[in-house]
Amino acid sequence: GINAELLLVGNKLDCEVDREISRQQGEKFAQQITGMRFCEASAKDNFNVDEIFLKLVDDILKKMPLDVIRNELSNSILSLQPEPEIPPELPPPRPHVRCC
């Protein structure tokens, strides 16, 4: 079967005065649908957007066996290894100045 990580996100948290569904209603609805979690965000205010995606990725990775993660990373352009250090540039050579 499909093992998808589901998360219900209530967006437009910045429009509180126009709210039609309370946080409690959102949480209750999310729980009724296979126990999914509920979060709120505001793309306009950039509130909780990155955190929601990072939490979702974290939840997915926690469910994956470590050998699958390693295999996927080895076949990917992504890597957990640190980037190689690039030596600082040498200063430009000084021009030769003739005194006579």
C-alpha atoms as a PDB file:
ATOM      1  CA  GLY A   1       0.000   0.000   0.000  1.00  0.00           C
ATOM      2  CA  ILE A   2       0.880   3.639  -0.212  1.00  0.00           C
ATOM      3  CA  ASN A   3       2.567   5.013   2.884  1.00  0.00           C
ATOM      4  CA  ALA A   4       2.212   8.767   2.419  1.00  0.00           C
ATOM      5  CA  GLU A   5       2.794  11.335   5.124  1.00  0.00           C
ATOM      6  CA  LEU A   6      -0.241  13.624   5.248  1.00  0.00           C
ATOM      7  CA  LEU A   7      -0.507  17.033   6.853  1.00  0.00           C
ATOM      8  CA  LEU A   8      -3.442  19.439   6.637  1.00  0.00           C
ATOM      9  CA  VAL A   9      -2.352  23.079   6.511  1.00  0.00           C
ATOM     10  CA  GLY A  10      -4.678  25.983   7.184  1.00  0.00           C
ATOM     11  CA  ASN A  11      -3.260  28.895   5.205  1.00  0.00           C
ATOM     12  CA  LYS A  12      -3.928  32.643   5.311  1.00  0.00           C
ATOM     13  CA  LEU A  13      -3.442  32.846   9.059  1.00  0.00           C
ATOM     14  CA  ASP A  14      -2.790  36.559   8.466  1.00  0.00           C
ATOM     15  CA  CYS A  15      -6.511  37.009   7.572  1.00  0.00           C
ATOM     16  CA  GLU A  16      -7.782  36.300  11.093  1.00  0.00           C
ATOM     17  CA  VAL A  17     -10.789  38.630  10.729  1.00  0.00           C
ATOM     18  CA  ASP A  18     -12.006  36.635   7.701  1.00  0.00           C
ATOM     19  CA  ARG A  19     -11.528  33.252   9.401  1.00  0.00           C
ATOM     20  CA  GLU A  20     -14.308  30.764   8.716  1.00  0.00           C
ATOM     21  CA  ILE A  21     -12.837  27.652  10.384  1.00  0.00           C
ATOM     22  CA  SER A  22     -11.380  27.693  13.890  1.00  0.00           C
ATOM     23  CA  ARG A  23      -8.103  25.994  14.728  1.00  0.00           C
ATOM     24  CA  GLN A  24     -10.056  23.455  16.781  1.00  0.00           C
ATOM     25  CA  GLN A  25     -12.293  22.636  13.791  1.00  0.00           C
ATOM     26  CA  GLY A  26      -9.221  22.175  11.591  1.00  0.00           C
ATOM     27  CA  GLU A  27      -7.573  19.885  14.135  1.00  0.00           C
ATOM     28  CA  LYS A  28     -10.759  17.833  14.553  1.00  0.00           C
ATOM     29  CA  PHE A  29     -11.219  17.472  10.782  1.00  0.00           C
ATOM     30  CA  ALA A  30      -7.573  16.439  10.324  1.00  0.00           C
ATOM     31  CA  GLN A  31      -7.890  13.795  13.066  1.00  0.00           C
ATOM     32  CA  GLN A  32     -11.024  12.365  11.447  1.00  0.00           C
ATOM     33  CA  ILE A  33      -9.081  11.810   8.216  1.00  0.00           C
ATOM     34  CA  THR A  34      -6.698   8.999   9.176  1.00  0.00           C
ATOM     35  CA  GLY A  35      -5.287  10.914  12.128  1.00  0.00           C
ATOM     36  CA  MET A  36      -3.381  13.458  10.097  1.00  0.00           C
ATOM     37  CA  ARG A  37      -1.855  16.482  11.807  1.00  0.00           C
ATOM     38  CA  PHE A  38      -3.029  20.062  11.392  1.00  0.00           C
ATOM     39  CA  CYS A  39      -0.869  23.184  11.206  1.00  0.00           C
ATOM     40  CA  GLU A  40      -1.553  26.801  10.388  1.00  0.00           C
ATOM     41  CA  ALA A  41       0.572  29.105   8.269  1.00  0.00           C
ATOM     42  CA  SER A  42       0.674  32.409   6.461  1.00  0.00           C
ATOM     43  CA  ALA A  43       2.483  32.505   3.140  1.00  0.00           C
ATOM     44  CA  LYS A  44       1.994  36.284   3.024  1.00  0.00           C
ATOM     45  CA  ASP A  45       3.771  36.801   6.368  1.00  0.00           C
ATOM     46  CA  ASN A  46       6.087  33.819   5.767  1.00  0.00           C
ATOM     47  CA  PHE A  47       4.902  32.398   9.090  1.00  0.00           C
ATOM     48  CA  ASN A  48       5.414  28.682   9.708  1.00  0.00           C
ATOM     49  CA  VAL A  49       5.904  27.900   5.983  1.00  0.00           C
ATOM     50  CA  ASP A  50       9.484  26.614   6.147  1.00  0.00           C
ATOM     51  CA  GLU A  51       8.875  24.937   9.504  1.00  0.00           C
ATOM     52  CA  ILE A  52       5.948  22.927   8.114  1.00  0.00           C
ATOM     53  CA  PHE A  53       7.970  21.638   5.148  1.00  0.00           C
ATOM     54  CA  LEU A  54      10.961  20.808   7.355  1.00  0.00           C
ATOM     55  CA  LYS A  55       8.749  18.951   9.841  1.00  0.00           C
ATOM     56  CA  LEU A  56       7.126  16.988   7.018  1.00  0.00           C
ATOM     57  CA  VAL A  57      10.520  15.998   5.577  1.00  0.00           C
ATOM     58  CA  ASP A  58      11.718  15.058   9.073  1.00  0.00           C
ATOM     59  CA  ASP A  59       8.653  12.840   9.602  1.00  0.00           C
ATOM     60  CA  ILE A  60       9.216  11.138   6.236  1.00  0.00           C
ATOM     61  CA  LEU A  61      12.902  10.498   6.947  1.00  0.00           C
ATOM     62  CA  LYS A  62      12.112   9.058  10.395  1.00  0.00           C
ATOM     63  CA  LYS A  63       9.886   6.433   8.751  1.00  0.00           C
ATOM     64  CA  MET A  64      12.464   5.418   6.139  1.00  0.00           C
ATOM     65  CA  PRO A  65      15.052   2.731   6.897  1.00  0.00           C
ATOM     66  CA  LEU A  66      18.573   4.157   7.118  1.00  0.00           C
ATOM     67  CA  ASP A  67      19.894   1.966   4.288  1.00  0.00           C
ATOM     68  CA  VAL A  68      17.198   3.339   1.944  1.00  0.00           C
ATOM     69  CA  ILE A  69      18.174   6.919   2.835  1.00  0.00           C
ATOM     70  CA  ARG A  70      21.869   6.178   2.230  1.00  0.00           C
ATOM     71  CA  ASN A  71      21.093   4.509  -1.105  1.00  0.00           C
ATOM     72  CA  GLU A  72      18.933   7.430  -2.230  1.00  0.00           C
ATOM     73  CA  LEU A  73      21.634   9.937  -1.260  1.00  0.00           C
ATOM     74  CA  SER A  74      24.339   7.996  -3.089  1.00  0.00           C
ATOM     75  CA  ASN A  75      22.208   8.115  -6.263  1.00  0.00           C
ATOM     76  CA  SER A  76      21.411  11.786  -5.850  1.00  0.00           C
ATOM     77  CA  ILE A  77      23.117  15.080  -6.451  1.00  0.00           C
ATOM     78  CA  LEU A  78      22.429  15.802  -2.793  1.00  0.00           C
ATOM     79  CA  SER A  79      24.976  14.771  -0.219  1.00  0.00           C
ATOM     80  CA  LEU A  80      25.402  14.872   3.519  1.00  0.00           C
ATOM     81  CA  GLN A  81      29.148  15.363   3.148  1.00  0.00           C
ATOM     82  CA  PRO A  82      30.542  18.839   3.803  1.00  0.00           C
ATOM     83  CA  GLU A  83      31.575  20.867   0.804  1.00  0.00           C
ATOM     84  CA  PRO A  84      35.328  20.913   0.137  1.00  0.00           C
ATOM     85  CA  GLU A  85      37.136  23.976   1.357  1.00  0.00           C
ATOM     86  CA  ILE A  86      38.275  26.338  -1.359  1.00  0.00           C
ATOM     87  CA  PRO A  87      41.623  27.950  -0.576  1.00  0.00           C
ATOM     88  CA  PRO A  88      41.584  31.737  -0.426  1.00  0.00           C
ATOM     89  CA  GLU A  89      42.726  33.522  -3.543  1.00  0.00           C
ATOM     90  CA  LEU A  90      46.297  34.710  -3.671  1.00  0.00           C
ATOM     91  CA  PRO A  91      46.762  38.469  -3.855  1.00  0.00           C
ATOM     92  CA  PRO A  92      47.484  39.765  -7.374  1.00  0.00           C
ATOM     93  CA  PRO A  93      51.180  40.146  -8.192  1.00  0.00           C
ATOM     94  CA  ARG A  94      52.638  43.587  -7.661  1.00  0.00           C
ATOM     95  CA  PRO A  95      53.652  45.398 -10.838  1.00  0.00           C
ATOM     96  CA  HIS A  96      57.366  45.769 -11.440  1.00  0.00           C
ATOM     97  CA  VAL A  97      58.406  49.376 -11.010  1.00  0.00           C
ATOM     98  CA  ARG A  98      61.611  50.653 -12.568  1.00  0.00           C
ATOM     99  CA  CYS A  99      63.378  53.341 -10.704  1.00  0.00           C
ATOM    100  CA  CYS A 100      65.554  54.777 -13.512  1.00  0.00           C
END
